[in-house]
C-alpha atoms as a PDB file:
ATOM      1  CA  MET A   1     -15.746 -30.981  11.762  1.00  0.00           C
ATOM      2  CA  SER A   2     -17.999 -29.764   9.199  1.00  0.00           C
ATOM      3  CA  ASP A   3     -16.355 -28.677   5.546  1.00  0.00           C
ATOM      4  CA  ALA A   4     -18.067 -25.133   5.442  1.00  0.00           C
ATOM      5  CA  ILE A   5     -15.838 -22.420   5.256  1.00  0.00           C
ATOM      6  CA  ARG A   6     -15.683 -18.487   5.058  1.00  0.00           C
ATOM      7  CA  ALA A   7     -13.457 -17.080   2.399  1.00  0.00           C
ATOM      8  CA  GLU A   8     -12.872 -13.698   1.505  1.00  0.00           C
ATOM      9  CA  THR A   9     -10.532 -10.628   0.533  1.00  0.00           C
ATOM     10  CA  VAL A  10      -9.251  -9.165   3.796  1.00  0.00           C
ATOM     11  CA  TYR A  11      -6.582  -6.070   4.483  1.00  0.00           C
ATOM     12  CA  VAL A  12      -4.280  -6.705   7.242  1.00  0.00           C
ATOM     13  CA  GLY A  13      -1.648  -4.968   9.116  1.00  0.00           C
ATOM     14  CA  ASP A  14      -1.189  -1.256   9.591  1.00  0.00           C
ATOM     15  CA  GLU A  15      -0.607  -0.951   5.804  1.00  0.00           C
ATOM     16  CA  LYS A  16      -3.602  -2.603   5.157  1.00  0.00           C
ATOM     17  CA  ILE A  17      -2.206  -5.156   2.507  1.00  0.00           C
ATOM     18  CA  GLN A  18      -4.887  -7.148   0.514  1.00  0.00           C
ATOM     19  CA  ALA A  19      -4.793 -10.858   1.314  1.00  0.00           C
ATOM     20  CA  TYR A  20      -7.177 -13.689   0.569  1.00  0.00           C
ATOM     21  CA  GLN A  21      -8.332 -15.332   3.847  1.00  0.00           C
ATOM     22  CA  ALA A  22     -10.133 -18.725   4.440  1.00  0.00           C
ATOM     23  CA  ARG A  23     -11.061 -20.506   7.549  1.00  0.00           C
ATOM     24  CA  PRO A  24     -13.492 -23.430   8.834  1.00  0.00           C
ATOM     25  CA  LEU A  25     -16.809 -21.800   9.974  1.00  0.00           C
ATOM     26  CA  ASP A  26     -17.315 -22.058  13.875  1.00  0.00           C
ATOM     27  CA  ALA A  27     -14.872 -24.989  14.284  1.00  0.00           C
ATOM     28  CA  TRP A  28     -13.180 -22.727  17.148  1.00  0.00           C
ATOM     29  CA  ARG A  29     -16.550 -22.523  19.008  1.00  0.00           C
ATOM     30  CA  ASP A  30     -16.555 -26.349  18.834  1.00  0.00           C
ATOM     31  CA  GLY A  31     -13.324 -26.281  21.021  1.00  0.00           C
ATOM     32  CA  ALA A  32     -10.923 -26.874  18.107  1.00  0.00           C
ATOM     33  CA  LEU A  33      -7.675 -24.930  17.788  1.00  0.00           C
ATOM     34  CA  LEU A  34      -6.463 -25.059  14.410  1.00  0.00           C
ATOM     35  CA  PRO A  35      -3.029 -24.321  12.656  1.00  0.00           C
ATOM     36  CA  GLY A  36      -2.217 -21.566  10.385  1.00  0.00           C
ATOM     37  CA  VAL A  37      -0.963 -21.795   6.775  1.00  0.00           C
ATOM     38  CA  VAL A  38       0.478 -18.556   4.581  1.00  0.00           C
ATOM     39  CA  VAL A  39       0.139 -19.454   1.127  1.00  0.00           C
ATOM     40  CA  ILE A  40       2.743 -17.595  -1.272  1.00  0.00           C
ATOM     41  CA  HIS A  41       1.481 -16.994  -4.879  1.00  0.00           C
ATOM     42  CA  HIS A  42       3.578 -17.661  -7.823  1.00  0.00           C
ATOM     43  CA  LEU A  43       5.035 -14.975 -10.131  1.00  0.00           C
ATOM     44  CA  PRO A  44       1.753 -15.166 -12.307  1.00  0.00           C
ATOM     45  CA  GLY A  45       0.121 -13.540  -9.307  1.00  0.00           C
ATOM     46  CA  TYR A  46      -2.278 -13.552  -6.661  1.00  0.00           C
ATOM     47  CA  ASP A  47      -4.637 -15.404  -8.980  1.00  0.00           C
ATOM     48  CA  ASP A  48      -7.711 -17.704  -8.981  1.00  0.00           C
ATOM     49  CA  ALA A  49      -5.552 -20.827  -8.773  1.00  0.00           C
ATOM     50  CA  THR A  50      -3.631 -19.562  -5.788  1.00  0.00           C
ATOM     51  CA  LYS A  51      -7.110 -18.390  -4.287  1.00  0.00           C
ATOM     52  CA  GLU A  52      -8.515 -22.027  -4.677  1.00  0.00           C
ATOM     53  CA  MET A  53      -5.219 -23.599  -2.618  1.00  0.00           C
ATOM     54  CA  VAL A  54      -6.231 -21.402   0.379  1.00  0.00           C
ATOM     55  CA  ARG A  55      -9.739 -22.406   0.297  1.00  0.00           C
ATOM     56  CA  ARG A  56      -8.400 -26.235   0.085  1.00  0.00           C
ATOM     57  CA  PHE A  57      -6.494 -25.724   3.589  1.00  0.00           C
ATOM     58  CA  ALA A  58      -9.789 -24.324   5.254  1.00  0.00           C
ATOM     59  CA  VAL A  59     -11.925 -27.140   4.177  1.00  0.00           C
ATOM     60  CA  ASN A  60      -9.011 -29.399   5.441  1.00  0.00           C
ATOM     61  CA  GLY A  61      -9.125 -27.888   8.963  1.00  0.00           C
ATOM     62  CA  TYR A  62      -6.626 -24.888   8.897  1.00  0.00           C
ATOM     63  CA  LEU A  63      -6.498 -21.250   8.899  1.00  0.00           C
ATOM     64  CA  ALA A  64      -5.179 -19.730   5.660  1.00  0.00           C
ATOM     65  CA  ILE A  65      -4.154 -16.654   4.053  1.00  0.00           C
ATOM     66  CA  CYS A  66      -2.513 -15.622   0.871  1.00  0.00           C
ATOM     67  CA  PRO A  67      -1.208 -11.831   0.970  1.00  0.00           C
ATOM     68  CA  ASN A  68      -1.220 -10.068  -2.408  1.00  0.00           C
ATOM     69  CA  LEU A  69       2.812  -9.710  -2.718  1.00  0.00           C
ATOM     70  CA  PHE A  70       2.027  -7.310  -5.669  1.00  0.00           C
ATOM     71  CA  TRP A  71      -0.564  -5.173  -3.838  1.00  0.00           C
ATOM     72  CA  ARG A  72       1.777  -2.354  -3.304  1.00  0.00           C
ATOM     73  CA  GLU A  73       2.988  -1.926  -6.926  1.00  0.00           C
ATOM     74  CA  ALA A  74      -0.340  -2.591  -8.577  1.00  0.00           C
ATOM     75  CA  PRO A  75      -3.108  -2.024  -6.323  1.00  0.00           C
ATOM     76  CA  GLY A  76      -6.461  -3.086  -7.914  1.00  0.00           C
ATOM     77  CA  ALA A  77      -4.719  -4.470 -10.978  1.00  0.00           C
ATOM     78  CA  SER A  78      -5.695  -7.921 -12.502  1.00  0.00           C
ATOM     79  CA  PRO A  79      -3.332 -10.796 -11.708  1.00  0.00           C
ATOM     80  CA  ASP A  80      -1.926 -10.552 -15.179  1.00  0.00           C
ATOM     81  CA  ASP A  81      -1.271  -6.930 -15.385  1.00  0.00           C
ATOM     82  CA  ALA A  82       0.086  -6.740 -11.756  1.00  0.00           C
ATOM     83  CA  SER A  83       2.512  -9.605 -12.597  1.00  0.00           C
ATOM     84  CA  ALA A  84       3.513  -8.039 -15.838  1.00  0.00           C
ATOM     85  CA  PHE A  85       4.259  -4.551 -14.126  1.00  0.00           C
ATOM     86  CA  VAL A  86       6.197  -6.339 -11.157  1.00  0.00           C
ATOM     87  CA  ARG A  87       8.078  -8.263 -13.775  1.00  0.00           C
ATOM     88  CA  GLY A  88       9.030  -5.155 -15.562  1.00  0.00           C
ATOM     89  CA  GLN A  89      10.377  -3.748 -12.299  1.00  0.00           C
ATOM     90  CA  GLY A  90      12.689  -6.907 -11.697  1.00  0.00           C
ATOM     91  CA  GLY A  91      10.310  -8.484  -9.268  1.00  0.00           C
ATOM     92  CA  ILE A  92       9.500  -7.830  -5.376  1.00  0.00           C
ATOM     93  CA  PRO A  93      12.694  -7.092  -2.864  1.00  0.00           C
ATOM     94  CA  ASP A  94      13.115 -10.073  -0.588  1.00  0.00           C
ATOM     95  CA  GLU A  95      12.770  -7.773   2.500  1.00  0.00           C
ATOM     96  CA  GLN A  96       9.188  -6.794   1.489  1.00  0.00           C
ATOM     97  CA  ILE A  97       8.397 -10.114   0.784  1.00  0.00           C
ATOM     98  CA  ILE A  98       9.579 -11.037   4.293  1.00  0.00           C
ATOM     99  CA  GLY A  99       7.770  -8.119   5.837  1.00  0.00           C
ATOM    100  CA  ASP A 100       4.326  -8.959   4.232  1.00  0.00           C
ATOM    101  CA  VAL A 101       4.536 -12.511   4.795  1.00  0.00           C
ATOM    102  CA  ARG A 102       5.136 -11.604   8.661  1.00  0.00           C
ATOM    103  CA  ILE A 103       1.983  -9.198   8.336  1.00  0.00           C
ATOM    104  CA  ALA A 104       0.055 -12.138   7.128  1.00  0.00           C
ATOM    105  CA  ALA A 105       1.374 -14.896   9.653  1.00  0.00           C
ATOM    106  CA  ASP A 106       0.438 -12.055  12.371  1.00  0.00           C
ATOM    107  CA  ALA A 107      -3.078 -11.876  11.026  1.00  0.00           C
ATOM    108  CA  LEU A 108      -3.464 -15.620  11.224  1.00  0.00           C
ATOM    109  CA  ARG A 109      -2.257 -15.676  14.801  1.00  0.00           C
ATOM    110  CA  ALA A 110      -4.883 -13.004  15.926  1.00  0.00           C
ATOM    111  CA  LEU A 111      -7.796 -15.012  14.697  1.00  0.00           C
ATOM    112  CA  ASP A 112     -10.238 -17.056  17.438  1.00  0.00           C
ATOM    113  CA  GLY A 113      -9.238 -20.700  17.461  1.00  0.00           C
ATOM    114  CA  HIS A 114      -5.522 -20.117  16.260  1.00  0.00           C
ATOM    115  CA  ASN A 115      -3.431 -23.182  17.972  1.00  0.00           C
ATOM    116  CA  GLY A 116      -0.180 -20.786  17.687  1.00  0.00           C
ATOM    117  CA  LYS A 117       1.367 -22.497  14.824  1.00  0.00           C
ATOM    118  CA  VAL A 118       1.873 -21.056  11.393  1.00  0.00           C
ATOM    119  CA  GLY A 119       3.467 -23.069   8.263  1.00  0.00           C
ATOM    120  CA  VAL A 120       4.226 -21.511   5.046  1.00  0.00           C
ATOM    121  CA  ILE A 121       3.944 -22.829   1.416  1.00  0.00           C
ATOM    122  CA  GLY A 122       4.981 -21.453  -1.795  1.00  0.00           C
ATOM    123  CA  TYR A 123       4.992 -22.759  -5.469  1.00  0.00           C
ATOM    124  CA  CYS A 124       7.240 -21.491  -8.379  1.00  0.00           C
ATOM    125  CA  SER A 125       8.587 -18.331  -7.288  1.00  0.00           C
ATOM    126  CA  GLY A 126       6.721 -18.770  -3.963  1.00  0.00           C
ATOM    127  CA  GLY A 127       8.559 -22.026  -3.397  1.00  0.00           C
ATOM    128  CA  ARG A 128      11.782 -19.746  -3.229  1.00  0.00           C
ATOM    129  CA  GLN A 129       9.943 -17.264  -1.091  1.00  0.00           C
ATOM    130  CA  ALA A 130       8.867 -19.823   1.377  1.00  0.00           C
ATOM    131  CA  LEU A 131      12.599 -20.887   2.059  1.00  0.00           C
ATOM    132  CA  LEU A 132      13.370 -17.206   2.284  1.00  0.00           C
ATOM    133  CA  VAL A 133      10.958 -16.243   4.926  1.00  0.00           C
ATOM    134  CA  ALA A 134      11.787 -19.235   6.923  1.00  0.00           C
ATOM    135  CA  THR A 135      15.050 -18.282   7.326  1.00  0.00           C
ATOM    136  CA  ALA A 136      14.008 -15.121   8.518  1.00  0.00           C
ATOM    137  CA  LEU A 137      10.514 -15.262  10.377  1.00  0.00           C
ATOM    138  CA  PRO A 138       9.436 -17.682  13.445  1.00  0.00           C
ATOM    139  CA  LEU A 139       7.609 -20.312  11.511  1.00  0.00           C
ATOM    140  CA  ASP A 140       7.068 -23.846  12.351  1.00  0.00           C
ATOM    141  CA  ALA A 141       7.043 -25.653   8.639  1.00  0.00           C
ATOM    142  CA  ALA A 142       7.817 -24.971   5.232  1.00  0.00           C
ATOM    143  CA  VAL A 143       7.020 -26.429   2.079  1.00  0.00           C
ATOM    144  CA  ASP A 144       8.598 -25.602  -1.288  1.00  0.00           C
ATOM    145  CA  CYS A 145       6.882 -26.583  -4.266  1.00  0.00           C
ATOM    146  CA  TYR A 146       9.319 -26.670  -7.222  1.00  0.00           C
ATOM    147  CA  GLY A 147      10.910 -23.087  -5.964  1.00  0.00           C
ATOM    148  CA  ALA A 148      13.037 -21.390  -8.882  1.00  0.00           C
ATOM    149  CA  PHE A 149      16.458 -19.304  -8.239  1.00  0.00           C
ATOM    150  CA  ALA A 150      17.035 -20.124  -4.603  1.00  0.00           C
ATOM    151  CA  LEU A 151      20.596 -21.088  -5.144  1.00  0.00           C
ATOM    152  CA  GLU A 152      21.554 -19.347  -8.387  1.00  0.00           C
ATOM    153  CA  PRO A 153      19.874 -16.259  -9.831  1.00  0.00           C
ATOM    154  CA  PRO A 154      17.591 -16.016 -12.965  1.00  0.00           C
ATOM    155  CA  PRO A 155      19.243 -15.490 -16.252  1.00  0.00           C
ATOM    156  CA  ALA A 156      19.761 -11.524 -17.145  1.00  0.00           C
ATOM    157  CA  ALA A 157      17.305 -12.118 -19.701  1.00  0.00           C
ATOM    158  CA  SER A 158      14.507 -12.653 -17.893  1.00  0.00           C
ATOM    159  CA  GLY A 159      14.871  -9.136 -16.372  1.00  0.00           C
ATOM    160  CA  LEU A 160      14.244 -10.554 -12.820  1.00  0.00           C
ATOM    161  CA  LYS A 161      16.436  -9.237  -9.892  1.00  0.00           C
ATOM    162  CA  MET A 162      16.196 -11.996  -7.506  1.00  0.00           C
ATOM    163  CA  THR A 163      19.574 -13.105  -5.862  1.00  0.00           C
ATOM    164  CA  SER A 164      20.634 -16.165  -4.376  1.00  0.00           C
ATOM    165  CA  ILE A 165      19.536 -17.036  -0.729  1.00  0.00           C
ATOM    166  CA  LYS A 166      22.054 -19.813  -0.537  1.00  0.00           C
ATOM    167  CA  ASP A 167      23.988 -17.923   2.381  1.00  0.00           C
ATOM    168  CA  ARG A 168      20.561 -17.479   4.292  1.00  0.00           C
ATOM    169  CA  LEU A 169      19.969 -21.324   4.630  1.00  0.00           C
ATOM    170  CA  GLY A 170      22.222 -21.862   7.529  1.00  0.00           C
ATOM    171  CA  ASP A 171      19.107 -19.618   9.573  1.00  0.00           C
ATOM    172  CA  LEU A 172      16.305 -21.675   8.451  1.00  0.00           C
ATOM    173  CA  GLY A 173      14.398 -22.161  11.661  1.00  0.00           C
ATOM    174  CA  CYS A 174      12.200 -25.011  10.778  1.00  0.00           C
ATOM    175  CA  PRO A 175      11.479 -28.445   8.795  1.00  0.00           C
ATOM    176  CA  VAL A 176      11.237 -28.024   5.116  1.00  0.00           C
ATOM    177  CA  LEU A 177       9.391 -30.387   2.630  1.00  0.00           C
ATOM    178  CA  GLY A 178      10.394 -30.103  -0.764  1.00  0.00           C
ATOM    179  CA  LEU A 179       8.162 -31.252  -3.955  1.00  0.00           C
ATOM    180  CA  PHE A 180       9.643 -31.284  -7.228  1.00  0.00           C
ATOM    181  CA  GLY A 181       9.682 -32.583 -10.896  1.00  0.00           C
ATOM    182  CA  ASP A 182      12.135 -34.657 -12.348  1.00  0.00           C
ATOM    183  CA  ASP A 183      11.583 -32.842 -15.670  1.00  0.00           C
ATOM    184  CA  ASP A 184      11.820 -29.490 -14.183  1.00  0.00           C
ATOM    185  CA  LYS A 185      14.537 -26.941 -15.512  1.00  0.00           C
ATOM    186  CA  ASN A 186      13.986 -24.319 -12.904  1.00  0.00           C
ATOM    187  CA  PRO A 187      14.844 -25.955 -10.656  1.00  0.00           C
ATOM    188  CA  ALA A 188      16.583 -29.025 -12.439  1.00  0.00           C
ATOM    189  CA  PRO A 189      17.236 -32.009 -10.361  1.00  0.00           C
ATOM    190  CA  ALA A 190      20.838 -31.265  -9.935  1.00  0.00           C
ATOM    191  CA  GLU A 191      20.038 -28.130  -8.379  1.00  0.00           C
ATOM    192  CA  VAL A 192      17.795 -29.832  -5.919  1.00  0.00           C
ATOM    193  CA  ASP A 193      20.655 -32.140  -5.065  1.00  0.00           C
ATOM    194  CA  ARG A 194      22.659 -28.975  -4.341  1.00  0.00           C
ATOM    195  CA  LEU A 195      19.884 -27.448  -2.107  1.00  0.00           C
ATOM    196  CA  ALA A 196      19.587 -30.855  -0.243  1.00  0.00           C
ATOM    197  CA  ALA A 197      23.474 -31.125   0.275  1.00  0.00           C
ATOM    198  CA  ILE A 198      23.515 -27.194   1.705  1.00  0.00           C
ATOM    199  CA  LEU A 199      20.643 -28.150   3.863  1.00  0.00           C
ATOM    200  CA  ALA A 200      22.198 -31.310   5.579  1.00  0.00           C
ATOM    201  CA  GLU A 201      25.546 -29.681   5.771  1.00  0.00           C
ATOM    202  CA  HIS A 202      23.754 -27.011   8.100  1.00  0.00           C
ATOM    203  CA  GLY A 203      22.062 -30.003   9.977  1.00  0.00           C
ATOM    204  CA  LYS A 204      18.233 -28.732   8.761  1.00  0.00           C
ATOM    205  CA  GLN A 205      15.560 -30.976   8.569  1.00  0.00           C
ATOM    206  CA  PHE A 206      14.784 -31.417   4.823  1.00  0.00           C
ATOM    207  CA  GLU A 207      12.141 -34.231   3.669  1.00  0.00           C
ATOM    208  CA  ARG A 208      12.419 -34.361  -0.211  1.00  0.00           C
ATOM    209  CA  HIS A 209      10.237 -35.839  -2.858  1.00  0.00           C
ATOM    210  CA  SER A 210      10.647 -35.757  -6.665  1.00  0.00           C
ATOM    211  CA  TYR A 211       8.098 -37.327  -9.440  1.00  0.00           C
ATOM    212  CA  GLU A 212       9.138 -38.804 -12.539  1.00  0.00           C
ATOM    213  CA  GLY A 213       7.320 -37.454 -15.606  1.00  0.00           C
ATOM    214  CA  ALA A 214       6.443 -34.124 -13.887  1.00  0.00           C
ATOM    215  CA  GLY A 215       7.981 -30.546 -14.932  1.00  0.00           C
ATOM    216  CA  HIS A 216       7.443 -27.120 -13.221  1.00  0.00           C
ATOM    217  CA  GLY A 217       3.848 -26.631 -12.170  1.00  0.00           C
ATOM    218  CA  PHE A 218       2.693 -29.870 -11.879  1.00  0.00           C
ATOM    219  CA  PHE A 219       0.111 -28.889  -8.977  1.00  0.00           C
ATOM    220  CA  ALA A 220      -1.456 -26.006 -11.520  1.00  0.00           C
ATOM    221  CA  THR A 221      -4.579 -27.665 -12.713  1.00  0.00           C
ATOM    222  CA  ASP A 222      -5.203 -24.508 -15.219  1.00  0.00           C
ATOM    223  CA  ARG A 223      -1.898 -25.371 -16.861  1.00  0.00           C
ATOM    224  CA  PRO A 224      -0.529 -27.630 -19.429  1.00  0.00           C
ATOM    225  CA  GLY A 225       2.076 -28.929 -16.802  1.00  0.00           C
ATOM    226  CA  TYR A 226      -0.819 -30.257 -14.609  1.00  0.00           C
ATOM    227  CA  ARG A 227       0.308 -33.755 -13.591  1.00  0.00           C
ATOM    228  CA  PRO A 228      -2.479 -35.520 -11.598  1.00  0.00           C
ATOM    229  CA  GLN A 229      -0.758 -38.316 -10.172  1.00  0.00           C
ATOM    230  CA  ALA A 230       2.168 -36.009  -8.889  1.00  0.00           C
ATOM    231  CA  ALA A 231      -0.292 -33.684  -7.770  1.00  0.00           C
ATOM    232  CA  VAL A 232      -2.488 -35.975  -5.873  1.00  0.00           C
ATOM    233  CA  ASP A 233       0.390 -37.525  -3.931  1.00  0.00           C
ATOM    234  CA  GLY A 234       1.820 -34.126  -3.423  1.00  0.00           C
ATOM    235  CA  TRP A 235      -1.241 -32.703  -1.680  1.00  0.00           C
ATOM    236  CA  ARG A 236      -1.190 -35.883   0.375  1.00  0.00           C
ATOM    237  CA  ARG A 237       2.465 -35.520   1.462  1.00  0.00           C
ATOM    238  CA  VAL A 238       1.544 -31.563   2.349  1.00  0.00           C
ATOM    239  CA  PHE A 239      -1.242 -32.475   4.762  1.00  0.00           C
ATOM    240  CA  ALA A 240       0.819 -35.128   6.274  1.00  0.00           C
ATOM    241  CA  PHE A 241       3.998 -32.847   6.722  1.00  0.00           C
ATOM    242  CA  PHE A 242       1.957 -29.803   8.041  1.00  0.00           C
ATOM    243  CA  ASP A 243      -0.200 -32.370  10.340  1.00  0.00           C
ATOM    244  CA  ARG A 244       3.232 -33.453  12.001  1.00  0.00           C
ATOM    245  CA  HIS A 245       4.389 -29.947  12.364  1.00  0.00           C
ATOM    246  CA  LEU A 246       1.499 -27.681  12.869  1.00  0.00           C
ATOM    247  CA  GLY A 247      -0.926 -30.110  14.956  1.00  0.00           C
ATOM    248  CA  GLY A 248      -3.294 -30.955  12.522  1.00  0.00           C
ATOM    249  CA  LYS A 249      -5.705 -33.877  12.255  1.00  0.00           C
ATOM    250  CA  ARG A 250      -5.123 -35.628   9.033  1.00  0.00           C
ATOM    251  CA  LEU A 251      -3.587 -38.828   8.670  1.00  0.00           C
ATOM    252  CA  GLU A 252      -0.090 -39.378   7.532  1.00  0.00           C
ATOM    253  CA  VAL A 253       0.861 -40.716   4.340  1.00  0.00           C
END
């Protein structure tokens, strides 16, 4: 398969939600049916680093899309300005997030060459949202990259109004891969232990990997917390996990 891709801003669903979409060029014309991945951006917003992740999935043979979860609140704003506005409002309501990810997943399913399977991946606040939507939508796999505040709400001083999704986890409908840093504070290793225990109690499939010397944001190449060794291994595990559960073609770890 060629690594040529098409990446562009699109507007999806009846409400024309802004999203960034990438796909391999003409793969479906060669008879390839490709899985889909919804990428959920972090609290800093729908930024260039997130769009690069979307393109990375496309280069590796996936149909990928990232909905701009801040579009309704701040259409046309820069990622920094949109994020600041949303933080000031306390964040995005969970049901709105679920609805916008549903729209994005449906947009992938409507593309020529889609194989019928959709996974979701999120990092930072998006890791929490990946777990959230996997409890509410028909998805085939979910990846939580150091998702904060899944079990406990954020401190009042943060201004964020996120609530615990602990009571939703029994409704999780697909396997989950979790990637975490041992030096992270949100979520700290003890919280990840609790998450693993809760998922085990519910009989859910949870594959967990933690990285020594890595803190929050170790995937983010544009941030001081970037840890190349953890990020390289993390990406290998992400693709191996999605290949197993979505029908991709890459080699397993």
